[in-house]
PDB file of N, CA and C in Angstrom:
ATOM      1  N   MET A   1    -115.575-105.578 114.822  1.00  0.00           N
ATOM      2  CA  MET A   1    -114.525-106.434 114.297  1.00  0.00           C
ATOM      3  C   MET A   1    -114.784-106.866 112.848  1.00  0.00           C
ATOM      4  N   GLU A   2    -116.035-106.771 112.407  1.00  0.00           N
ATOM      5  CA  GLU A   2    -116.352-107.160 111.024  1.00  0.00           C
ATOM      6  C   GLU A   2    -115.581-106.307 110.017  1.00  0.00           C
ATOM      7  N   SER A   3    -115.418-105.010 110.297  1.00  0.00           N
ATOM      8  CA  SER A   3    -114.675-104.157 109.367  1.00  0.00           C
ATOM      9  C   SER A   3    -113.205-104.565 109.317  1.00  0.00           C
ATOM     10  N   LEU A   4    -112.667-105.081 110.414  1.00  0.00           N
ATOM     11  CA  LEU A   4    -111.290-105.569 110.411  1.00  0.00           C
ATOM     12  C   LEU A   4    -111.164-106.802 109.517  1.00  0.00           C
ATOM     13  N   SER A   5    -112.162-107.671 109.528  1.00  0.00           N
ATOM     14  CA  SER A   5    -112.160-108.846 108.646  1.00  0.00           C
ATOM     15  C   SER A   5    -112.111-108.421 107.185  1.00  0.00           C
ATOM     16  N   TRP A   6    -112.902-107.424 106.843  1.00  0.00           N
ATOM     17  CA  TRP A   6    -112.911-106.917 105.459  1.00  0.00           C
ATOM     18  C   TRP A   6    -111.532-106.382 105.072  1.00  0.00           C
ATOM     19  N   LEU A   7    -110.910-105.658 105.959  1.00  0.00           N
ATOM     20  CA  LEU A   7    -109.590-105.094 105.695  1.00  0.00           C
ATOM     21  C   LEU A   7    -108.549-106.196 105.517  1.00  0.00           C
ATOM     22  N   ILE A   8    -108.627-107.215 106.345  1.00  0.00           N
ATOM     23  CA  ILE A   8    -107.675-108.332 106.257  1.00  0.00           C
ATOM     24  C   ILE A   8    -107.817-109.059 104.921  1.00  0.00           C
ATOM     25  N   VAL A   9    -109.050-109.326 104.490  1.00  0.00           N
ATOM     26  CA  VAL A   9    -109.278-109.979 103.195  1.00  0.00           C
ATOM     27  C   VAL A   9    -108.804-109.075 102.063  1.00  0.00           C
ATOM     28  N   PHE A  10    -109.079-107.783 102.177  1.00  0.00           N
ATOM     29  CA  PHE A  10    -108.663-106.805 101.170  1.00  0.00           C
ATOM     30  C   PHE A  10    -107.143-106.799 101.001  1.00  0.00           C
ATOM     31  N   LEU A  11    -106.425-106.759 102.099  1.00  0.00           N
ATOM     32  CA  LEU A  11    -104.958-106.733 102.039  1.00  0.00           C
ATOM     33  C   LEU A  11    -104.392-108.035 101.465  1.00  0.00           C
ATOM     34  N   GLY A  12    -104.921-109.165 101.921  1.00  0.00           N
ATOM     35  CA  GLY A  12    -104.469-110.447 101.386  1.00  0.00           C
ATOM     36  C   GLY A  12    -104.773-110.579  99.902  1.00  0.00           C
ATOM     37  N   GLY A  13    -105.973-110.147  99.508  1.00  0.00           N
ATOM     38  CA  GLY A  13    -106.359-110.207  98.091  1.00  0.00           C
ATOM     39  C   GLY A  13    -105.483-109.327  97.224  1.00  0.00           C
ATOM     40  N   GLY A  14    -105.132-108.159  97.734  1.00  0.00           N
ATOM     41  CA  GLY A  14    -104.253-107.265  96.976  1.00  0.00           C
ATOM     42  C   GLY A  14    -102.887-107.875  96.757  1.00  0.00           C
ATOM     43  N   LEU A  15    -102.334-108.473  97.802  1.00  0.00           N
ATOM     44  CA  LEU A  15    -101.027-109.122  97.664  1.00  0.00           C
ATOM     45  C   LEU A  15    -101.102-110.318  96.712  1.00  0.00           C
ATOM     46  N   GLY A  16    -102.179-111.090  96.823  1.00  0.00           N
ATOM     47  CA  GLY A  16    -102.352-112.228  95.920  1.00  0.00           C
ATOM     48  C   GLY A  16    -102.482-111.785  94.472  1.00  0.00           C
ATOM     49  N   SER A  17    -103.230-110.729  94.234  1.00  0.00           N
ATOM     50  CA  SER A  17    -103.397-110.206  92.867  1.00  0.00           C
ATOM     51  C   SER A  17    -102.073-109.717  92.292  1.00  0.00           C
ATOM     52  N   CYS A  18    -101.288-109.032  93.118  1.00  0.00           N
ATOM     53  CA  CYS A  18     -99.970-108.575  92.658  1.00  0.00           C
ATOM     54  C   CYS A  18     -99.071-109.762  92.323  1.00  0.00           C
ATOM     55  N   GLY A  19     -99.110-110.786  93.175  1.00  0.00           N
ATOM     56  CA  GLY A  19     -98.335-111.993  92.905  1.00  0.00           C
ATOM     57  C   GLY A  19     -98.755-112.662  91.604  1.00  0.00           C
ATOM     58  N   ARG A  20    -100.077-112.737  91.380  1.00  0.00           N
ATOM     59  CA  ARG A  20    -100.591-113.326  90.137  1.00  0.00           C
ATOM     60  C   ARG A  20    -100.103-112.540  88.936  1.00  0.00           C
ATOM     61  N   TYR A  21    -100.166-111.232  89.011  1.00  0.00           N
ATOM     62  CA  TYR A  21     -99.748-110.377  87.905  1.00  0.00           C
ATOM     63  C   TYR A  21     -98.272-110.597  87.572  1.00  0.00           C
ATOM     64  N   VAL A  22     -97.428-110.587  88.585  1.00  0.00           N
ATOM     65  CA  VAL A  22     -95.986-110.719  88.366  1.00  0.00           C
ATOM     66  C   VAL A  22     -95.648-112.080  87.773  1.00  0.00           C
ATOM     67  N   ILE A  23     -96.167-113.142  88.360  1.00  0.00           N
ATOM     68  CA  ILE A  23     -95.847-114.486  87.871  1.00  0.00           C
ATOM     69  C   ILE A  23     -96.379-114.704  86.462  1.00  0.00           C
ATOM     70  N   SER A  24     -97.622-114.308  86.210  1.00  0.00           N
ATOM     71  CA  SER A  24     -98.189-114.462  84.860  1.00  0.00           C
ATOM     72  C   SER A  24     -97.397-113.671  83.834  1.00  0.00           C
ATOM     73  N   LYS A  25     -97.019-112.469  84.178  1.00  0.00           N
ATOM     74  CA  LYS A  25     -96.249-111.614  83.260  1.00  0.00           C
ATOM     75  C   LYS A  25     -94.910-112.249  82.922  1.00  0.00           C
ATOM     76  N   ILE A  26     -94.212-112.717  83.937  1.00  0.00           N
ATOM     77  CA  ILE A  26     -92.904-113.339  83.710  1.00  0.00           C
ATOM     78  C   ILE A  26     -93.042-114.560  82.805  1.00  0.00           C
ATOM     79  N   ILE A  27     -94.010-115.421  83.095  1.00  0.00           N
ATOM     80  CA  ILE A  27     -94.180-116.638  82.301  1.00  0.00           C
ATOM     81  C   ILE A  27     -94.596-116.308  80.879  1.00  0.00           C
ATOM     82  N   ASN A  28     -95.567-115.417  80.732  1.00  0.00           N
ATOM     83  CA  ASN A  28     -96.049-115.083  79.388  1.00  0.00           C
ATOM     84  C   ASN A  28     -94.989-114.382  78.545  1.00  0.00           C
ATOM     85  N   GLU A  29     -94.059-113.676  79.171  1.00  0.00           N
ATOM     86  CA  GLU A  29     -92.959-113.052  78.426  1.00  0.00           C
ATOM     87  C   GLU A  29     -91.934-114.086  77.976  1.00  0.00           C
ATOM     88  N   GLN A  30     -91.846-115.206  78.676  1.00  0.00           N
ATOM     89  CA  GLN A  30     -90.861-116.237  78.358  1.00  0.00           C
ATOM     90  C   GLN A  30     -91.361-117.244  77.326  1.00  0.00           C
ATOM     91  N   VAL A  31     -92.689-117.349  77.202  1.00  0.00           N
ATOM     92  CA  VAL A  31     -93.278-118.370  76.336  1.00  0.00           C
ATOM     93  C   VAL A  31     -94.071-117.686  75.227  1.00  0.00           C
ATOM     94  N   ASP A  32     -93.728-118.006  73.993  1.00  0.00           N
ATOM     95  CA  ASP A  32     -94.442-117.453  72.847  1.00  0.00           C
ATOM     96  C   ASP A  32     -95.490-118.478  72.395  1.00  0.00           C
ATOM     97  N   SER A  33     -96.683-118.355  72.973  1.00  0.00           N
ATOM     98  CA  SER A  33     -97.724-119.339  72.699  1.00  0.00           C
ATOM     99  C   SER A  33     -99.088-118.715  72.930  1.00  0.00           C
ATOM    100  N   ILE A  34    -100.076-119.194  72.185  1.00  0.00           N
ATOM    101  CA  ILE A  34    -101.454-118.767  72.425  1.00  0.00           C
ATOM    102  C   ILE A  34    -102.004-119.432  73.691  1.00  0.00           C
ATOM    103  N   PHE A  35    -101.369-120.527  74.102  1.00  0.00           N
ATOM    104  CA  PHE A  35    -101.800-121.250  75.296  1.00  0.00           C
ATOM    105  C   PHE A  35    -101.550-120.377  76.523  1.00  0.00           C
ATOM    106  N   PRO A  36    -102.514-120.254  77.421  1.00  0.00           N
ATOM    107  CA  PRO A  36    -102.395-119.372  78.590  1.00  0.00           C
ATOM    108  C   PRO A  36    -101.572-119.978  79.735  1.00  0.00           C
ATOM    109  N   TRP A  37    -100.274-120.143  79.505  1.00  0.00           N
ATOM    110  CA  TRP A  37     -99.388-120.760  80.490  1.00  0.00           C
ATOM    111  C   TRP A  37     -99.330-119.975  81.795  1.00  0.00           C
ATOM    112  N   GLY A  38     -99.372-118.656  81.723  1.00  0.00           N
ATOM    113  CA  GLY A  38     -99.287-117.845  82.934  1.00  0.00           C
ATOM    114  C   GLY A  38    -100.430-118.111  83.895  1.00  0.00           C
ATOM    115  N   THR A  39    -101.654-118.062  83.387  1.00  0.00           N
ATOM    116  CA  THR A  39    -102.825-118.294  84.235  1.00  0.00           C
ATOM    117  C   THR A  39    -102.855-119.729  84.742  1.00  0.00           C
ATOM    118  N   LEU A  40    -102.546-120.685  83.881  1.00  0.00           N
ATOM    119  CA  LEU A  40    -102.526-122.082  84.311  1.00  0.00           C
ATOM    120  C   LEU A  40    -101.529-122.266  85.453  1.00  0.00           C
ATOM    121  N   THR A  41    -100.333-121.719  85.296  1.00  0.00           N
ATOM    122  CA  THR A  41     -99.301-121.867  86.322  1.00  0.00           C
ATOM    123  C   THR A  41     -99.738-121.244  87.638  1.00  0.00           C
ATOM    124  N   VAL A  42    -100.270-120.035  87.569  1.00  0.00           N
ATOM    125  CA  VAL A  42    -100.718-119.349  88.785  1.00  0.00           C
ATOM    126  C   VAL A  42    -101.839-120.136  89.459  1.00  0.00           C
ATOM    127  N   ASN A  43    -102.799-120.617  88.692  1.00  0.00           N
ATOM    128  CA  ASN A  43    -103.907-121.363  89.287  1.00  0.00           C
ATOM    129  C   ASN A  43    -103.433-122.668  89.918  1.00  0.00           C
ATOM    130  N   LEU A  44    -102.479-123.349  89.286  1.00  0.00           N
ATOM    131  CA  LEU A  44    -101.973-124.598  89.861  1.00  0.00           C
ATOM    132  C   LEU A  44    -101.150-124.333  91.118  1.00  0.00           C
ATOM    133  N   ILE A  45    -100.328-123.288  91.099  1.00  0.00           N
ATOM    134  CA  ILE A  45     -99.586-122.910  92.309  1.00  0.00           C
ATOM    135  C   ILE A  45    -100.575-122.552  93.418  1.00  0.00           C
ATOM    136  N   GLY A  46    -101.621-121.799  93.053  1.00  0.00           N
ATOM    137  CA  GLY A  46    -102.629-121.404  94.037  1.00  0.00           C
ATOM    138  C   GLY A  46    -103.340-122.597  94.652  1.00  0.00           C
ATOM    139  N   CYS A  47    -103.618-123.615  93.849  1.00  0.00           N
ATOM    140  CA  CYS A  47    -104.253-124.833  94.373  1.00  0.00           C
ATOM    141  C   CYS A  47    -103.337-125.534  95.372  1.00  0.00           C
ATOM    142  N   LEU A  48    -102.070-125.625  95.040  1.00  0.00           N
ATOM    143  CA  LEU A  48    -101.110-126.241  95.964  1.00  0.00           C
ATOM    144  C   LEU A  48    -101.011-125.410  97.251  1.00  0.00           C
ATOM    145  N   VAL A  49    -100.889-124.106  97.098  1.00  0.00           N
ATOM    146  CA  VAL A  49    -100.737-123.224  98.258  1.00  0.00           C
ATOM    147  C   VAL A  49    -101.964-123.277  99.156  1.00  0.00           C
ATOM    148  N   ILE A  50    -103.168-123.276  98.565  1.00  0.00           N
ATOM    149  CA  ILE A  50    -104.369-123.310  99.410  1.00  0.00           C
ATOM    150  C   ILE A  50    -104.467-124.646 100.145  1.00  0.00           C
ATOM    151  N   GLY A  51    -104.027-125.724  99.494  1.00  0.00           N
ATOM    152  CA  GLY A  51    -103.994-127.018 100.181  1.00  0.00           C
ATOM    153  C   GLY A  51    -103.031-126.998 101.353  1.00  0.00           C
ATOM    154  N   ILE A  52    -101.849-126.404 101.139  1.00  0.00           N
ATOM    155  CA  ILE A  52    -100.862-126.294 102.214  1.00  0.00           C
ATOM    156  C   ILE A  52    -101.424-125.439 103.348  1.00  0.00           C
ATOM    157  N   MET A  53    -102.027-124.324 103.001  1.00  0.00           N
ATOM    158  CA  MET A  53    -102.547-123.415 104.030  1.00  0.00           C
ATOM    159  C   MET A  53    -103.673-124.043 104.839  1.00  0.00           C
ATOM    160  N   ILE A  54    -104.622-124.675 104.164  1.00  0.00           N
ATOM    161  CA  ILE A  54    -105.728-125.311 104.880  1.00  0.00           C
ATOM    162  C   ILE A  54    -105.200-126.456 105.748  1.00  0.00           C
ATOM    163  N   GLY A  55    -104.288-127.260 105.200  1.00  0.00           N
ATOM    164  CA  GLY A  55    -103.691-128.338 105.993  1.00  0.00           C
ATOM    165  C   GLY A  55    -102.976-127.806 107.216  1.00  0.00           C
ATOM    166  N   PHE A  56    -102.255-126.710 107.045  1.00  0.00           N
ATOM    167  CA  PHE A  56    -101.540-126.102 108.167  1.00  0.00           C
ATOM    168  C   PHE A  56    -102.513-125.578 109.217  1.00  0.00           C
ATOM    169  N   ILE A  57    -103.562-124.888 108.768  1.00  0.00           N
ATOM    170  CA  ILE A  57    -104.554-124.334 109.693  1.00  0.00           C
ATOM    171  C   ILE A  57    -105.286-125.442 110.441  1.00  0.00           C
ATOM    172  N   GLU A  58    -105.583-126.552 109.768  1.00  0.00           N
ATOM    173  CA  GLU A  58    -106.254-127.666 110.436  1.00  0.00           C
ATOM    174  C   GLU A  58    -105.346-128.339 111.449  1.00  0.00           C
ATOM    175  N   ARG A  59    -104.078-128.414 111.130  1.00  0.00           N
ATOM    176  CA  ARG A  59    -103.131-129.112 112.019  1.00  0.00           C
ATOM    177  C   ARG A  59    -102.634-128.231 113.146  1.00  0.00           C
ATOM    178  N   PHE A  60    -102.397-126.981 112.846  1.00  0.00           N
ATOM    179  CA  PHE A  60    -101.876-126.024 113.826  1.00  0.00           C
ATOM    180  C   PHE A  60    -102.829-124.836 113.887  1.00  0.00           C
ATOM    181  N   PRO A  61    -103.852-124.941 114.718  1.00  0.00           N
ATOM    182  CA  PRO A  61    -104.845-123.862 114.773  1.00  0.00           C
ATOM    183  C   PRO A  61    -104.190-122.495 115.009  1.00  0.00           C
ATOM    184  N   ILE A  62    -104.572-121.540 114.176  1.00  0.00           N
ATOM    185  CA  ILE A  62    -104.058-120.180 114.282  1.00  0.00           C
ATOM    186  C   ILE A  62    -105.250-119.238 114.399  1.00  0.00           C
ATOM    187  N   HIS A  63    -104.979-118.001 114.622  1.00  0.00           N
ATOM    188  CA  HIS A  63    -106.049-117.012 114.744  1.00  0.00           C
ATOM    189  C   HIS A  63    -106.848-116.986 113.437  1.00  0.00           C
ATOM    190  N   PRO A  64    -108.177-116.922 113.518  1.00  0.00           N
ATOM    191  CA  PRO A  64    -109.019-116.914 112.308  1.00  0.00           C
ATOM    192  C   PRO A  64    -108.665-115.811 111.312  1.00  0.00           C
ATOM    193  N   TYR A  65    -108.103-114.718 111.791  1.00  0.00           N
ATOM    194  CA  TYR A  65    -107.721-113.644 110.862  1.00  0.00           C
ATOM    195  C   TYR A  65    -106.655-114.095 109.874  1.00  0.00           C
ATOM    196  N   TRP A  66    -105.781-115.007 110.295  1.00  0.00           N
ATOM    197  CA  TRP A  66    -104.762-115.525 109.377  1.00  0.00           C
ATOM    198  C   TRP A  66    -105.404-116.335 108.255  1.00  0.00           C
ATOM    199  N   GLY A  67    -106.435-117.091 108.596  1.00  0.00           N
ATOM    200  CA  GLY A  67    -107.160-117.835 107.568  1.00  0.00           C
ATOM    201  C   GLY A  67    -107.821-116.889 106.576  1.00  0.00           C
ATOM    202  N   LEU A  68    -108.412-115.825 107.082  1.00  0.00           N
ATOM    203  CA  LEU A  68    -109.007-114.823 106.186  1.00  0.00           C
ATOM    204  C   LEU A  68    -107.951-114.196 105.281  1.00  0.00           C
ATOM    205  N   PHE A  69    -106.812-113.853 105.860  1.00  0.00           N
ATOM    206  CA  PHE A  69    -105.754-113.201 105.098  1.00  0.00           C
ATOM    207  C   PHE A  69    -105.157-114.133 104.045  1.00  0.00           C
ATOM    208  N   LEU A  70    -104.797-115.352 104.466  1.00  0.00           N
ATOM    209  CA  LEU A  70    -104.073-116.266 103.585  1.00  0.00           C
ATOM    210  C   LEU A  70    -104.971-117.005 102.593  1.00  0.00           C
ATOM    211  N   VAL A  71    -106.076-117.556 103.072  1.00  0.00           N
ATOM    212  CA  VAL A  71    -106.927-118.394 102.220  1.00  0.00           C
ATOM    213  C   VAL A  71    -107.908-117.537 101.420  1.00  0.00           C
ATOM    214  N   THR A  72    -108.767-116.818 102.125  1.00  0.00           N
ATOM    215  CA  THR A  72    -109.781-116.016 101.438  1.00  0.00           C
ATOM    216  C   THR A  72    -109.141-114.875 100.666  1.00  0.00           C
ATOM    217  N   GLY A  73    -108.234-114.143 101.316  1.00  0.00           N
ATOM    218  CA  GLY A  73    -107.620-112.991 100.686  1.00  0.00           C
ATOM    219  C   GLY A  73    -106.554-113.355  99.670  1.00  0.00           C
ATOM    220  N   PHE A  74    -105.419-113.864 100.151  1.00  0.00           N
ATOM    221  CA  PHE A  74    -104.283-114.103  99.264  1.00  0.00           C
ATOM    222  C   PHE A  74    -104.609-115.102  98.160  1.00  0.00           C
ATOM    223  N   CYS A  75    -105.084-116.292  98.536  1.00  0.00           N
ATOM    224  CA  CYS A  75    -105.372-117.305  97.505  1.00  0.00           C
ATOM    225  C   CYS A  75    -106.526-116.873  96.601  1.00  0.00           C
ATOM    226  N   GLY A  76    -107.516-116.213  97.181  1.00  0.00           N
ATOM    227  CA  GLY A  76    -108.621-115.710  96.371  1.00  0.00           C
ATOM    228  C   GLY A  76    -108.168-114.685  95.356  1.00  0.00           C
ATOM    229  N   GLY A  77    -107.232-113.822  95.746  1.00  0.00           N
ATOM    230  CA  GLY A  77    -106.697-112.827  94.821  1.00  0.00           C
ATOM    231  C   GLY A  77    -105.669-113.411  93.868  1.00  0.00           C
ATOM    232  N   PHE A  78    -104.972-114.438  94.313  1.00  0.00           N
ATOM    233  CA  PHE A  78    -103.894-115.028  93.508  1.00  0.00           C
ATOM    234  C   PHE A  78    -104.429-115.864  92.351  1.00  0.00           C
ATOM    235  N   THR A  79    -105.412-116.682  92.621  1.00  0.00           N
ATOM    236  CA  THR A  79    -105.975-117.515  91.556  1.00  0.00           C
ATOM    237  C   THR A  79    -107.086-116.744  90.864  1.00  0.00           C
ATOM    238  N   THR A  80    -107.424-117.176  89.661  1.00  0.00           N
ATOM    239  CA  THR A  80    -108.366-116.382  88.890  1.00  0.00           C
ATOM    240  C   THR A  80    -109.210-117.232  87.960  1.00  0.00           C
ATOM    241  N   PHE A  81    -110.407-117.510  88.402  1.00  0.00           N
ATOM    242  CA  PHE A  81    -111.310-118.280  87.559  1.00  0.00           C
ATOM    243  C   PHE A  81    -111.847-117.432  86.406  1.00  0.00           C
ATOM    244  N   SER A  82    -111.968-116.139  86.627  1.00  0.00           N
ATOM    245  CA  SER A  82    -112.481-115.280  85.558  1.00  0.00           C
ATOM    246  C   SER A  82    -111.523-115.249  84.370  1.00  0.00           C
ATOM    247  N   SER A  83    -110.215-115.192  84.624  1.00  0.00           N
ATOM    248  CA  SER A  83    -109.243-115.237  83.523  1.00  0.00           C
ATOM    249  C   SER A  83    -109.274-116.593  82.838  1.00  0.00           C
ATOM    250  N   PHE A  84    -109.399-117.641  83.619  1.00  0.00           N
ATOM    251  CA  PHE A  84    -109.515-118.992  83.076  1.00  0.00           C
ATOM    252  C   PHE A  84    -110.705-119.074  82.117  1.00  0.00           C
ATOM    253  N   SER A  85    -111.842-118.538  82.531  1.00  0.00           N
ATOM    254  CA  SER A  85    -113.051-118.549  81.706  1.00  0.00           C
ATOM    255  C   SER A  85    -112.859-117.729  80.434  1.00  0.00           C
ATOM    256  N   LEU A  86    -112.286-116.538  80.569  1.00  0.00           N
ATOM    257  CA  LEU A  86    -112.056-115.684  79.401  1.00  0.00           C
ATOM    258  C   LEU A  86    -111.117-116.357  78.409  1.00  0.00           C
ATOM    259  N   GLU A  87    -110.017-116.914  78.903  1.00  0.00           N
ATOM    260  CA  GLU A  87    -109.052-117.548  78.010  1.00  0.00           C
ATOM    261  C   GLU A  87    -109.649-118.760  77.311  1.00  0.00           C
ATOM    262  N   ASN A  88    -110.505-119.499  77.997  1.00  0.00           N
ATOM    263  CA  ASN A  88    -111.193-120.612  77.331  1.00  0.00           C
ATOM    264  C   ASN A  88    -112.120-120.095  76.234  1.00  0.00           C
ATOM    265  N   ASN A  89    -112.805-119.002  76.488  1.00  0.00           N
ATOM    266  CA  ASN A  89    -113.665-118.417  75.462  1.00  0.00           C
ATOM    267  C   ASN A  89    -112.860-117.922  74.266  1.00  0.00           C
ATOM    268  N   LEU A  90    -111.683-117.365  74.524  1.00  0.00           N
ATOM    269  CA  LEU A  90    -110.824-116.922  73.425  1.00  0.00           C
ATOM    270  C   LEU A  90    -110.323-118.111  72.607  1.00  0.00           C
ATOM    271  N   LEU A  91    -109.957-119.187  73.279  1.00  0.00           N
ATOM    272  CA  LEU A  91    -109.538-120.392  72.555  1.00  0.00           C
ATOM    273  C   LEU A  91    -110.684-120.937  71.714  1.00  0.00           C
ATOM    274  N   LEU A  92    -111.883-120.915  72.260  1.00  0.00           N
ATOM    275  CA  LEU A  92    -113.066-121.372  71.528  1.00  0.00           C
ATOM    276  C   LEU A  92    -113.319-120.484  70.318  1.00  0.00           C
ATOM    277  N   ARG A  93    -113.253-119.176  70.516  1.00  0.00           N
ATOM    278  CA  ARG A  93    -113.481-118.226  69.421  1.00  0.00           C
ATOM    279  C   ARG A  93    -112.463-118.410  68.302  1.00  0.00           C
ATOM    280  N   ASN A  94    -111.214-118.740  68.684  1.00  0.00           N
ATOM    281  CA  ASN A  94    -110.154-118.951  67.696  1.00  0.00           C
ATOM    282  C   ASN A  94    -110.124-120.381  67.163  1.00  0.00           C
ATOM    283  N   GLN A  95    -111.128-121.152  67.508  1.00  0.00           N
ATOM    284  CA  GLN A  95    -111.286-122.539  67.081  1.00  0.00           C
ATOM    285  C   GLN A  95    -110.077-123.404  67.462  1.00  0.00           C
ATOM    286  N   GLU A  96    -109.506-123.109  68.603  1.00  0.00           N
ATOM    287  CA  GLU A  96    -108.386-123.884  69.153  1.00  0.00           C
ATOM    288  C   GLU A  96    -108.960-124.938  70.098  1.00  0.00           C
ATOM    289  N   TYR A  97    -109.716-125.864  69.538  1.00  0.00           N
ATOM    290  CA  TYR A  97    -110.465-126.831  70.342  1.00  0.00           C
ATOM    291  C   TYR A  97    -109.570-127.757  71.152  1.00  0.00           C
ATOM    292  N   ASN A  98    -108.475-128.212  70.552  1.00  0.00           N
ATOM    293  CA  ASN A  98    -107.567-129.100  71.278  1.00  0.00           C
ATOM    294  C   ASN A  98    -106.924-128.376  72.460  1.00  0.00           C
ATOM    295  N   LEU A  99    -106.479-127.134  72.240  1.00  0.00           N
ATOM    296  CA  LEU A  99    -105.890-126.365  73.336  1.00  0.00           C
ATOM    297  C   LEU A  99    -106.923-126.085  74.426  1.00  0.00           C
ATOM    298  N   LEU A 100    -108.153-125.817  74.040  1.00  0.00           N
ATOM    299  CA  LEU A 100    -109.220-125.577  74.999  1.00  0.00           C
ATOM    300  C   LEU A 100    -109.422-126.799  75.897  1.00  0.00           C
ATOM    301  N   LEU A 101    -109.471-127.968  75.283  1.00  0.00           N
ATOM    302  CA  LEU A 101    -109.653-129.193  76.058  1.00  0.00           C
ATOM    303  C   LEU A 101    -108.451-129.482  76.962  1.00  0.00           C
ATOM    304  N   VAL A 102    -107.259-129.295  76.420  1.00  0.00           N
ATOM    305  CA  VAL A 102    -106.048-129.547  77.208  1.00  0.00           C
ATOM    306  C   VAL A 102    -105.984-128.581  78.390  1.00  0.00           C
ATOM    307  N   TYR A 103    -106.241-127.304  78.140  1.00  0.00           N
ATOM    308  CA  TYR A 103    -106.185-126.289  79.194  1.00  0.00           C
ATOM    309  C   TYR A 103    -107.212-126.563  80.288  1.00  0.00           C
ATOM    310  N   THR A 104    -108.425-126.867  79.899  1.00  0.00           N
ATOM    311  CA  THR A 104    -109.476-127.144  80.874  1.00  0.00           C
ATOM    312  C   THR A 104    -109.141-128.397  81.680  1.00  0.00           C
ATOM    313  N   PHE A 105    -108.736-129.454  80.991  1.00  0.00           N
ATOM    314  CA  PHE A 105    -108.396-130.704  81.659  1.00  0.00           C
ATOM    315  C   PHE A 105    -107.221-130.520  82.615  1.00  0.00           C
ATOM    316  N   MET A 106    -106.163-129.854  82.144  1.00  0.00           N
ATOM    317  CA  MET A 106    -104.989-129.644  82.984  1.00  0.00           C
ATOM    318  C   MET A 106    -105.347-128.792  84.204  1.00  0.00           C
ATOM    319  N   SER A 107    -106.131-127.761  84.009  1.00  0.00           N
ATOM    320  CA  SER A 107    -106.505-126.877  85.120  1.00  0.00           C
ATOM    321  C   SER A 107    -107.285-127.635  86.181  1.00  0.00           C
ATOM    322  N   LEU A 108    -108.260-128.410  85.754  1.00  0.00           N
ATOM    323  CA  LEU A 108    -109.093-129.134  86.710  1.00  0.00           C
ATOM    324  C   LEU A 108    -108.330-130.267  87.390  1.00  0.00           C
ATOM    325  N   LEU A 109    -107.728-131.135  86.601  1.00  0.00           N
ATOM    326  CA  LEU A 109    -107.046-132.302  87.164  1.00  0.00           C
ATOM    327  C   LEU A 109    -105.859-131.887  88.023  1.00  0.00           C
ATOM    328  N   TRP A 110    -104.983-131.068  87.467  1.00  0.00           N
ATOM    329  CA  TRP A 110    -103.792-130.677  88.208  1.00  0.00           C
ATOM    330  C   TRP A 110    -104.140-129.742  89.362  1.00  0.00           C
ATOM    331  N   GLY A 111    -105.198-128.953  89.221  1.00  0.00           N
ATOM    332  CA  GLY A 111    -105.641-128.097  90.314  1.00  0.00           C
ATOM    333  C   GLY A 111    -106.087-128.926  91.507  1.00  0.00           C
ATOM    334  N   PHE A 112    -106.934-129.913  91.259  1.00  0.00           N
ATOM    335  CA  PHE A 112    -107.371-130.805  92.344  1.00  0.00           C
ATOM    336  C   PHE A 112    -106.166-131.540  92.934  1.00  0.00           C
ATOM    337  N   ALA A 113    -105.266-132.001  92.064  1.00  0.00           N
ATOM    338  CA  ALA A 113    -104.086-132.723  92.535  1.00  0.00           C
ATOM    339  C   ALA A 113    -103.192-131.820  93.391  1.00  0.00           C
ATOM    340  N   GLY A 114    -103.043-130.563  92.990  1.00  0.00           N
ATOM    341  CA  GLY A 114    -102.226-129.633  93.757  1.00  0.00           C
ATOM    342  C   GLY A 114    -102.787-129.400  95.148  1.00  0.00           C
ATOM    343  N   THR A 115    -104.100-129.204  95.240  1.00  0.00           N
ATOM    344  CA  THR A 115    -104.732-129.002  96.537  1.00  0.00           C
ATOM    345  C   THR A 115    -104.574-130.248  97.395  1.00  0.00           C
ATOM    346  N   PHE A 116    -104.785-131.411  96.814  1.00  0.00           N
ATOM    347  CA  PHE A 116    -104.636-132.671  97.538  1.00  0.00           C
ATOM    348  C   PHE A 116    -103.203-132.843  98.034  1.00  0.00           C
ATOM    349  N   MET A 117    -102.230-132.565  97.163  1.00  0.00           N
ATOM    350  CA  MET A 117    -100.826-132.711  97.570  1.00  0.00           C
ATOM    351  C   MET A 117    -100.478-131.748  98.700  1.00  0.00           C
ATOM    352  N   GLY A 118    -101.004-130.518  98.627  1.00  0.00           N
ATOM    353  CA  GLY A 118    -100.757-129.566  99.697  1.00  0.00           C
ATOM    354  C   GLY A 118    -101.304-130.054 101.031  1.00  0.00           C
ATOM    355  N   LEU A 119    -102.514-130.585 101.005  1.00  0.00           N
ATOM    356  CA  LEU A 119    -103.117-131.121 102.235  1.00  0.00           C
ATOM    357  C   LEU A 119    -102.300-132.292 102.762  1.00  0.00           C
ATOM    358  N   MET A 120    -101.906-133.198 101.887  1.00  0.00           N
ATOM    359  CA  MET A 120    -101.139-134.380 102.304  1.00  0.00           C
ATOM    360  C   MET A 120     -99.749-133.995 102.815  1.00  0.00           C
ATOM    361  N   LEU A 121     -99.150-133.004 102.201  1.00  0.00           N
ATOM    362  CA  LEU A 121     -97.831-132.553 102.630  1.00  0.00           C
ATOM    363  C   LEU A 121     -97.862-132.086 104.076  1.00  0.00           C
ATOM    364  N   ILE A 122     -98.846-131.305 104.429  1.00  0.00           N
ATOM    365  CA  ILE A 122     -98.940-130.803 105.803  1.00  0.00           C
ATOM    366  C   ILE A 122     -99.298-131.930 106.771  1.00  0.00           C
ATOM    367  N   LYS A 123    -100.089-132.900 106.352  1.00  0.00           N
ATOM    368  CA  LYS A 123    -100.433-134.018 107.231  1.00  0.00           C
ATOM    369  C   LYS A 123     -99.203-134.844 107.588  1.00  0.00           C
ATOM    370  N   ARG A 124     -98.219-134.856 106.716  1.00  0.00           N
ATOM    371  CA  ARG A 124     -97.010-135.651 106.956  1.00  0.00           C
ATOM    372  C   ARG A 124     -95.985-134.955 107.834  1.00  0.00           C
ATOM    373  N   ILE A 125     -96.200-133.674 108.061  1.00  0.00           N
ATOM    374  CA  ILE A 125     -95.251-132.914 108.897  1.00  0.00           C
ATOM    375  C   ILE A 125     -95.544-133.183 110.358  1.00  0.00           C
TER     376      ILE A 125
END
């Protein structure tokens, strides 16, 4: 069954990565800015979604494979800390210190807030 777990995470991660690509592309095409709005948006949506998913799984126990698919796979593939790190390094290299601070602060604060709101939303259902 371990190989099935790997496949489930792989499939969820692939779907999450495709979702990240599409959303980031759409946002970045709409906004003419050095600020990485696409990655920020995807990461904040991912924080909210993972909060909703974990809250749902805690409240309504489902098969563990769904947790692997949705949380580990989909959310893991959808959000991207590596892009966040790269974009911060690019802002630093371009001496965009204010944007670097704003991006980091917004990602951390709003990311935590999104996860918290997702958890609270499911608790209220």
